[in-house]
Amino acid sequence: YHVKTSKLYTDYGLLTANEDLCQDVHKIFLELTGMGKPARLKQLKHSPFTLHKSMLDLIEYETEQALAGRPARIIAKMNSLTEVQIMQALYRASMAGVQIDLVIRGMCCLRPGIPGLSENIRVRSIIGRFLEHTRIYYFHHSGEELVTLSSADWMERNLFNRVETCFPITDEKLKARVLEEGLDIYLRDNAQAWLLQSDGTYQRASCDPDNVVAAQHWLLERLTG
């Protein structure tokens, strides 16, 4: 938490007494200080060790579910998407029929809406008063609805060249709140959303004057009463 960026950035933190998660965090700090080997963790995934593979595995699971005719869904919110293997996995998921929504504020090297490749992928960027800085990864996962928060974008530098973490939200009330406040409202935003086209350009979302949805304004009103 930084006194300056906290006034401009949106982000999440988790206060928890979950013993496994707390032990994982302790091991990460031992690793960072050089007092421990790369940690074997119970709930946390961390780069440059397990995070990349765990994301690929989760995407692949949704792909397999779709191929089997079962419900499959991926929603992800991050700053940037540039990592090649993850983009390839998302393309495969799309071709299998997985519905994918990405909320990506900055760089996105993936191209949505290409017939036969990415017609099931939609990408939007929310540009408003605050700098969107949350990373949220949602997977339907046979109805389990996995929701994870992370410090890492799907970028090479985050997944291979830094120590980053990703942790699950297991409390059902918190999970519902993250889905509502962190994903659903951003997918409904029609005031500050820009939609990535298959040619790499962005078009502003169409806005019904009688039904304006601005995610950041909605959150301000909700959180400040």
C-alpha atoms as a PDB file:
ATOM      1  CA  TYR A   1       0.000   0.000   0.000  1.00  0.00           C
ATOM      2  CA  HIS A   2       1.419   3.345  -1.092  1.00  0.00           C
ATOM      3  CA  VAL A   3       0.175   6.726   0.092  1.00  0.00           C
ATOM      4  CA  LYS A   4       0.122   8.154  -3.438  1.00  0.00           C
ATOM      5  CA  THR A   5      -0.981   5.251  -5.609  1.00  0.00           C
ATOM      6  CA  SER A   6      -3.698   4.259  -3.135  1.00  0.00           C
ATOM      7  CA  LYS A   7      -5.586   7.396  -4.152  1.00  0.00           C
ATOM      8  CA  LEU A   8      -5.566   6.426  -7.827  1.00  0.00           C
ATOM      9  CA  TYR A   9      -5.297   2.642  -8.081  1.00  0.00           C
ATOM     10  CA  THR A  10      -8.047   0.078  -7.552  1.00  0.00           C
ATOM     11  CA  ASP A  11      -6.877  -3.190  -6.022  1.00  0.00           C
ATOM     12  CA  TYR A  12      -7.747  -5.991  -3.624  1.00  0.00           C
ATOM     13  CA  GLY A  13      -6.312  -7.274  -0.376  1.00  0.00           C
ATOM     14  CA  LEU A  14      -7.355 -10.266   1.712  1.00  0.00           C
ATOM     15  CA  LEU A  15      -7.421 -10.441   5.510  1.00  0.00           C
ATOM     16  CA  THR A  16      -7.477 -14.095   6.496  1.00  0.00           C
ATOM     17  CA  ALA A  17      -6.740 -16.494   9.330  1.00  0.00           C
ATOM     18  CA  ASN A  18      -6.689 -19.489   6.978  1.00  0.00           C
ATOM     19  CA  GLU A  19      -3.816 -21.535   8.368  1.00  0.00           C
ATOM     20  CA  ASP A  20      -2.679 -23.065   5.077  1.00  0.00           C
ATOM     21  CA  LEU A  21      -2.716 -19.728   3.298  1.00  0.00           C
ATOM     22  CA  CYS A  22      -0.863 -17.984   6.126  1.00  0.00           C
ATOM     23  CA  GLN A  23       1.785 -20.704   6.146  1.00  0.00           C
ATOM     24  CA  ASP A  24       2.171 -20.318   2.390  1.00  0.00           C
ATOM     25  CA  VAL A  25       2.726 -16.573   2.778  1.00  0.00           C
ATOM     26  CA  HIS A  26       5.305 -17.258   5.500  1.00  0.00           C
ATOM     27  CA  LYS A  27       7.174 -19.627   3.180  1.00  0.00           C
ATOM     28  CA  ILE A  28       7.144 -17.037   0.397  1.00  0.00           C
ATOM     29  CA  PHE A  29       8.808 -14.491   2.671  1.00  0.00           C
ATOM     30  CA  LEU A  30      11.434 -17.046   3.705  1.00  0.00           C
ATOM     31  CA  GLU A  31      12.074 -17.671   0.029  1.00  0.00           C
ATOM     32  CA  LEU A  32      12.399 -13.934  -0.671  1.00  0.00           C
ATOM     33  CA  THR A  33      14.874 -13.399   2.164  1.00  0.00           C
ATOM     34  CA  GLY A  34      17.032 -16.293   1.014  1.00  0.00           C
ATOM     35  CA  MET A  35      16.251 -18.373   4.092  1.00  0.00           C
ATOM     36  CA  GLY A  36      14.266 -21.002   2.266  1.00  0.00           C
ATOM     37  CA  LYS A  37      14.265 -23.024  -0.942  1.00  0.00           C
ATOM     38  CA  PRO A  38      11.472 -22.547  -3.507  1.00  0.00           C
ATOM     39  CA  ALA A  39       8.467 -23.323  -1.382  1.00  0.00           C
ATOM     40  CA  ARG A  40       6.027 -26.195  -1.765  1.00  0.00           C
ATOM     41  CA  LEU A  41       2.758 -24.426  -1.125  1.00  0.00           C
ATOM     42  CA  LYS A  42      -0.738 -25.689  -0.333  1.00  0.00           C
ATOM     43  CA  GLN A  43      -2.963 -22.882  -1.636  1.00  0.00           C
ATOM     44  CA  LEU A  44      -0.790 -20.167  -3.132  1.00  0.00           C
ATOM     45  CA  LYS A  45       0.526 -20.436  -6.667  1.00  0.00           C
ATOM     46  CA  HIS A  46       3.627 -18.396  -7.309  1.00  0.00           C
ATOM     47  CA  SER A  47       5.902 -17.455 -10.130  1.00  0.00           C
ATOM     48  CA  PRO A  48       8.368 -18.188 -11.488  1.00  0.00           C
ATOM     49  CA  PHE A  49       7.554 -21.708 -10.283  1.00  0.00           C
ATOM     50  CA  THR A  50       3.916 -22.882 -10.349  1.00  0.00           C
ATOM     51  CA  LEU A  51       1.724 -19.979 -11.441  1.00  0.00           C
ATOM     52  CA  HIS A  52       2.108 -20.251 -15.211  1.00  0.00           C
ATOM     53  CA  LYS A  53       1.403 -23.987 -15.319  1.00  0.00           C
ATOM     54  CA  SER A  54      -1.557 -23.679 -12.967  1.00  0.00           C
ATOM     55  CA  MET A  55      -3.169 -21.070 -15.241  1.00  0.00           C
ATOM     56  CA  LEU A  56      -2.594 -23.244 -18.311  1.00  0.00           C
ATOM     57  CA  ASP A  57      -4.071 -26.248 -16.491  1.00  0.00           C
ATOM     58  CA  LEU A  58      -7.195 -24.301 -15.517  1.00  0.00           C
ATOM     59  CA  ILE A  59      -7.712 -23.055 -19.076  1.00  0.00           C
ATOM     60  CA  GLU A  60      -7.185 -26.574 -20.425  1.00  0.00           C
ATOM     61  CA  TYR A  61      -9.754 -27.952 -17.975  1.00  0.00           C
ATOM     62  CA  GLU A  62     -12.386 -25.561 -19.315  1.00  0.00           C
ATOM     63  CA  THR A  63     -11.430 -26.596 -22.847  1.00  0.00           C
ATOM     64  CA  GLU A  64     -11.933 -30.272 -22.011  1.00  0.00           C
ATOM     65  CA  GLN A  65     -15.284 -29.525 -20.394  1.00  0.00           C
ATOM     66  CA  ALA A  66     -16.490 -27.665 -23.479  1.00  0.00           C
ATOM     67  CA  LEU A  67     -15.362 -30.471 -25.785  1.00  0.00           C
ATOM     68  CA  ALA A  68     -17.363 -32.882 -23.634  1.00  0.00           C
ATOM     69  CA  GLY A  69     -20.464 -30.725 -24.021  1.00  0.00           C
ATOM     70  CA  ARG A  70     -20.393 -29.462 -20.442  1.00  0.00           C
ATOM     71  CA  PRO A  71     -20.646 -25.827 -19.248  1.00  0.00           C
ATOM     72  CA  ALA A  72     -17.356 -23.944 -19.475  1.00  0.00           C
ATOM     73  CA  ARG A  73     -16.539 -20.315 -18.776  1.00  0.00           C
ATOM     74  CA  ILE A  74     -13.480 -18.108 -18.247  1.00  0.00           C
ATOM     75  CA  ILE A  75     -13.477 -14.499 -17.064  1.00  0.00           C
ATOM     76  CA  ALA A  76     -10.210 -12.695 -16.392  1.00  0.00           C
ATOM     77  CA  LYS A  77      -9.350  -9.144 -15.395  1.00  0.00           C
ATOM     78  CA  MET A  78      -5.787  -7.859 -15.563  1.00  0.00           C
ATOM     79  CA  ASN A  79      -3.531  -5.053 -16.708  1.00  0.00           C
ATOM     80  CA  SER A  80      -1.974  -6.752 -19.732  1.00  0.00           C
ATOM     81  CA  LEU A  81      -1.982  -9.995 -21.724  1.00  0.00           C
ATOM     82  CA  THR A  82       1.132 -10.810 -23.750  1.00  0.00           C
ATOM     83  CA  GLU A  83       2.229 -14.349 -22.783  1.00  0.00           C
ATOM     84  CA  VAL A  84       2.186 -16.571 -25.860  1.00  0.00           C
ATOM     85  CA  GLN A  85       1.332 -19.942 -24.304  1.00  0.00           C
ATOM     86  CA  ILE A  86      -1.622 -18.533 -22.408  1.00  0.00           C
ATOM     87  CA  MET A  87      -2.926 -16.790 -25.523  1.00  0.00           C
ATOM     88  CA  GLN A  88      -2.617 -20.034 -27.474  1.00  0.00           C
ATOM     89  CA  ALA A  89      -4.484 -21.864 -24.705  1.00  0.00           C
ATOM     90  CA  LEU A  90      -7.258 -19.254 -24.815  1.00  0.00           C
ATOM     91  CA  TYR A  91      -7.540 -19.643 -28.588  1.00  0.00           C
ATOM     92  CA  ARG A  92      -7.872 -23.426 -28.167  1.00  0.00           C
ATOM     93  CA  ALA A  93     -10.506 -22.899 -25.489  1.00  0.00           C
ATOM     94  CA  SER A  94     -12.443 -20.568 -27.760  1.00  0.00           C
ATOM     95  CA  MET A  95     -12.331 -23.056 -30.625  1.00  0.00           C
ATOM     96  CA  ALA A  96     -13.682 -25.700 -28.234  1.00  0.00           C
ATOM     97  CA  GLY A  97     -16.621 -23.445 -27.398  1.00  0.00           C
ATOM     98  CA  VAL A  98     -15.561 -21.900 -24.090  1.00  0.00           C
ATOM     99  CA  GLN A  99     -17.095 -18.452 -23.596  1.00  0.00           C
ATOM    100  CA  ILE A 100     -14.293 -16.095 -22.544  1.00  0.00           C
ATOM    101  CA  ASP A 101     -14.500 -12.499 -21.343  1.00  0.00           C
ATOM    102  CA  LEU A 102     -11.322 -10.523 -20.696  1.00  0.00           C
ATOM    103  CA  VAL A 103     -11.155  -7.125 -19.009  1.00  0.00           C
ATOM    104  CA  ILE A 104      -7.693  -5.826 -19.877  1.00  0.00           C
ATOM    105  CA  ARG A 105      -6.808  -2.217 -19.187  1.00  0.00           C
ATOM    106  CA  GLY A 106      -3.531  -2.073 -21.114  1.00  0.00           C
ATOM    107  CA  MET A 107      -1.686  -4.237 -23.632  1.00  0.00           C
ATOM    108  CA  CYS A 108      -3.506  -7.169 -25.187  1.00  0.00           C
ATOM    109  CA  CYS A 109      -1.756  -9.156 -27.917  1.00  0.00           C
ATOM    110  CA  LEU A 110      -4.681 -11.550 -28.290  1.00  0.00           C
ATOM    111  CA  ARG A 111      -7.160 -10.791 -31.068  1.00  0.00           C
ATOM    112  CA  PRO A 112     -10.813 -11.552 -30.310  1.00  0.00           C
ATOM    113  CA  GLY A 113     -13.657 -12.224 -32.698  1.00  0.00           C
ATOM    114  CA  ILE A 114     -11.728 -14.028 -35.443  1.00  0.00           C
ATOM    115  CA  PRO A 115     -13.952 -16.715 -37.023  1.00  0.00           C
ATOM    116  CA  GLY A 116     -12.690 -20.221 -36.371  1.00  0.00           C
ATOM    117  CA  LEU A 117     -10.154 -19.010 -33.823  1.00  0.00           C
ATOM    118  CA  SER A 118     -11.426 -16.529 -31.252  1.00  0.00           C
ATOM    119  CA  GLU A 119     -15.092 -15.826 -31.982  1.00  0.00           C
ATOM    120  CA  ASN A 120     -15.931 -16.822 -28.392  1.00  0.00           C
ATOM    121  CA  ILE A 121     -13.505 -14.307 -26.866  1.00  0.00           C
ATOM    122  CA  ARG A 122     -14.450 -10.742 -25.976  1.00  0.00           C
ATOM    123  CA  VAL A 123     -11.953  -8.155 -24.721  1.00  0.00           C
ATOM    124  CA  ARG A 124     -12.766  -4.829 -23.104  1.00  0.00           C
ATOM    125  CA  SER A 125     -10.756  -2.076 -21.429  1.00  0.00           C
ATOM    126  CA  ILE A 126     -12.195   0.204 -18.740  1.00  0.00           C
ATOM    127  CA  ILE A 127     -10.683   3.695 -18.709  1.00  0.00           C
ATOM    128  CA  GLY A 128     -11.954   5.995 -15.971  1.00  0.00           C
ATOM    129  CA  ARG A 129     -11.017   8.127 -12.998  1.00  0.00           C
ATOM    130  CA  PHE A 130      -9.122   5.334 -11.251  1.00  0.00           C
ATOM    131  CA  LEU A 131      -6.326   3.125 -12.574  1.00  0.00           C
ATOM    132  CA  GLU A 132      -7.650  -0.419 -12.740  1.00  0.00           C
ATOM    133  CA  HIS A 133      -5.031  -2.614 -11.072  1.00  0.00           C
ATOM    134  CA  THR A 134      -6.859  -5.764  -9.955  1.00  0.00           C
ATOM    135  CA  ARG A 135      -6.087  -9.199 -11.330  1.00  0.00           C
ATOM    136  CA  ILE A 136      -9.015 -11.595 -11.035  1.00  0.00           C
ATOM    137  CA  TYR A 137      -9.213 -15.020 -12.644  1.00  0.00           C
ATOM    138  CA  TYR A 138     -12.506 -16.914 -12.765  1.00  0.00           C
ATOM    139  CA  PHE A 139     -13.062 -20.458 -14.029  1.00  0.00           C
ATOM    140  CA  HIS A 140     -16.420 -22.289 -14.037  1.00  0.00           C
ATOM    141  CA  HIS A 141     -14.610 -25.542 -13.149  1.00  0.00           C
ATOM    142  CA  SER A 142     -17.571 -27.931 -13.235  1.00  0.00           C
ATOM    143  CA  GLY A 143     -19.714 -25.561 -11.192  1.00  0.00           C
ATOM    144  CA  GLU A 144     -17.125 -25.042  -8.461  1.00  0.00           C
ATOM    145  CA  GLU A 145     -16.597 -21.495  -9.749  1.00  0.00           C
ATOM    146  CA  LEU A 146     -12.957 -20.918  -8.893  1.00  0.00           C
ATOM    147  CA  VAL A 147     -12.151 -17.282  -8.119  1.00  0.00           C
ATOM    148  CA  THR A 148      -8.520 -16.321  -7.638  1.00  0.00           C
ATOM    149  CA  LEU A 149      -6.805 -12.994  -7.047  1.00  0.00           C
ATOM    150  CA  SER A 150      -3.254 -12.347  -8.137  1.00  0.00           C
ATOM    151  CA  SER A 151      -0.437  -9.842  -8.316  1.00  0.00           C
ATOM    152  CA  ALA A 152       0.468 -11.179 -11.761  1.00  0.00           C
ATOM    153  CA  ASP A 153      -0.685 -10.224 -15.216  1.00  0.00           C
ATOM    154  CA  TRP A 154      -0.525 -12.846 -17.947  1.00  0.00           C
ATOM    155  CA  MET A 155       2.834 -11.511 -19.136  1.00  0.00           C
ATOM    156  CA  GLU A 156       6.269 -13.090 -19.511  1.00  0.00           C
ATOM    157  CA  ARG A 157       7.846 -10.777 -16.934  1.00  0.00           C
ATOM    158  CA  ASN A 158       5.215 -11.591 -14.313  1.00  0.00           C
ATOM    159  CA  LEU A 159       5.109 -15.328 -14.883  1.00  0.00           C
ATOM    160  CA  PHE A 160       8.797 -16.069 -15.425  1.00  0.00           C
ATOM    161  CA  ASN A 161      10.967 -13.184 -14.192  1.00  0.00           C
ATOM    162  CA  ARG A 162       9.365 -12.076 -10.929  1.00  0.00           C
ATOM    163  CA  VAL A 163       8.055 -13.498  -7.694  1.00  0.00           C
ATOM    164  CA  GLU A 164       4.276 -13.112  -7.959  1.00  0.00           C
ATOM    165  CA  THR A 165       1.434 -14.832  -6.143  1.00  0.00           C
ATOM    166  CA  CYS A 166      -2.069 -16.040  -6.884  1.00  0.00           C
ATOM    167  CA  PHE A 167      -4.498 -17.152  -4.179  1.00  0.00           C
ATOM    168  CA  PRO A 168      -8.036 -18.565  -4.103  1.00  0.00           C
ATOM    169  CA  ILE A 169     -11.083 -16.880  -2.605  1.00  0.00           C
ATOM    170  CA  THR A 170     -12.796 -19.725  -0.770  1.00  0.00           C
ATOM    171  CA  ASP A 171     -15.298 -17.866   1.411  1.00  0.00           C
ATOM    172  CA  GLU A 172     -18.591 -17.904  -0.499  1.00  0.00           C
ATOM    173  CA  LYS A 173     -19.641 -14.398   0.565  1.00  0.00           C
ATOM    174  CA  LEU A 174     -16.286 -12.939  -0.475  1.00  0.00           C
ATOM    175  CA  LYS A 175     -16.382 -14.891  -3.723  1.00  0.00           C
ATOM    176  CA  ALA A 176     -19.821 -13.494  -4.543  1.00  0.00           C
ATOM    177  CA  ARG A 177     -18.612  -9.987  -3.748  1.00  0.00           C
ATOM    178  CA  VAL A 178     -15.546 -10.292  -5.984  1.00  0.00           C
ATOM    179  CA  LEU A 179     -17.709 -11.611  -8.813  1.00  0.00           C
ATOM    180  CA  GLU A 180     -20.211  -8.780  -8.456  1.00  0.00           C
ATOM    181  CA  GLU A 181     -17.864  -5.870  -7.755  1.00  0.00           C
ATOM    182  CA  GLY A 182     -14.813  -7.046  -9.667  1.00  0.00           C
ATOM    183  CA  LEU A 183     -16.162  -8.746 -12.774  1.00  0.00           C
ATOM    184  CA  ASP A 184     -19.913  -8.549 -13.388  1.00  0.00           C
ATOM    185  CA  ILE A 185     -20.207  -4.765 -13.163  1.00  0.00           C
ATOM    186  CA  TYR A 186     -17.188  -4.332 -15.457  1.00  0.00           C
ATOM    187  CA  LEU A 187     -18.723  -6.619 -18.061  1.00  0.00           C
ATOM    188  CA  ARG A 188     -21.896  -4.502 -17.960  1.00  0.00           C
ATOM    189  CA  ASP A 189     -20.068  -1.149 -18.167  1.00  0.00           C
ATOM    190  CA  ASN A 190     -21.228   0.792 -21.221  1.00  0.00           C
ATOM    191  CA  ALA A 191     -19.938   4.246 -20.271  1.00  0.00           C
ATOM    192  CA  GLN A 192     -16.166   3.831 -19.876  1.00  0.00           C
ATOM    193  CA  ALA A 193     -15.606   0.592 -21.782  1.00  0.00           C
ATOM    194  CA  TRP A 194     -13.618   0.217 -24.983  1.00  0.00           C
ATOM    195  CA  LEU A 195     -14.050  -3.005 -26.962  1.00  0.00           C
ATOM    196  CA  LEU A 196     -11.077  -4.586 -28.721  1.00  0.00           C
ATOM    197  CA  GLN A 197     -11.784  -5.492 -32.347  1.00  0.00           C
ATOM    198  CA  SER A 198     -10.276  -8.337 -34.335  1.00  0.00           C
ATOM    199  CA  ASP A 199      -8.058  -5.885 -36.254  1.00  0.00           C
ATOM    200  CA  GLY A 200      -6.474  -4.555 -33.049  1.00  0.00           C
ATOM    201  CA  THR A 201      -8.443  -1.307 -32.884  1.00  0.00           C
ATOM    202  CA  TYR A 202     -10.774  -0.299 -30.071  1.00  0.00           C
ATOM    203  CA  GLN A 203     -14.349   0.906 -30.336  1.00  0.00           C
ATOM    204  CA  ARG A 204     -16.185   2.614 -27.521  1.00  0.00           C
ATOM    205  CA  ALA A 205     -19.066   0.578 -26.140  1.00  0.00           C
ATOM    206  CA  SER A 206     -22.497   1.772 -27.190  1.00  0.00           C
ATOM    207  CA  CYS A 207     -24.343   3.455 -24.336  1.00  0.00           C
ATOM    208  CA  ASP A 208     -28.095   3.668 -23.850  1.00  0.00           C
ATOM    209  CA  PRO A 209     -28.765   7.090 -22.231  1.00  0.00           C
ATOM    210  CA  ASP A 210     -31.575   5.490 -20.241  1.00  0.00           C
ATOM    211  CA  ASN A 211     -29.391   2.671 -18.958  1.00  0.00           C
ATOM    212  CA  VAL A 212     -25.900   4.030 -18.280  1.00  0.00           C
ATOM    213  CA  VAL A 213     -23.597   1.640 -16.411  1.00  0.00           C
ATOM    214  CA  ALA A 214     -20.256   3.039 -15.223  1.00  0.00           C
ATOM    215  CA  ALA A 215     -18.426   0.486 -13.080  1.00  0.00           C
ATOM    216  CA  GLN A 216     -16.202   2.908 -11.181  1.00  0.00           C
ATOM    217  CA  HIS A 217     -19.081   5.283 -10.416  1.00  0.00           C
ATOM    218  CA  TRP A 218     -21.221   2.339  -9.328  1.00  0.00           C
ATOM    219  CA  LEU A 219     -18.483   1.161  -6.952  1.00  0.00           C
ATOM    220  CA  LEU A 220     -17.996   4.643  -5.486  1.00  0.00           C
ATOM    221  CA  GLU A 221     -21.676   4.883  -4.675  1.00  0.00           C
ATOM    222  CA  ARG A 222     -21.807   1.361  -3.291  1.00  0.00           C
ATOM    223  CA  LEU A 223     -18.713   1.639  -1.099  1.00  0.00           C
ATOM    224  CA  THR A 224     -19.279   5.164   0.196  1.00  0.00           C
ATOM    225  CA  GLY A 225     -22.966   4.757   0.927  1.00  0.00           C
END
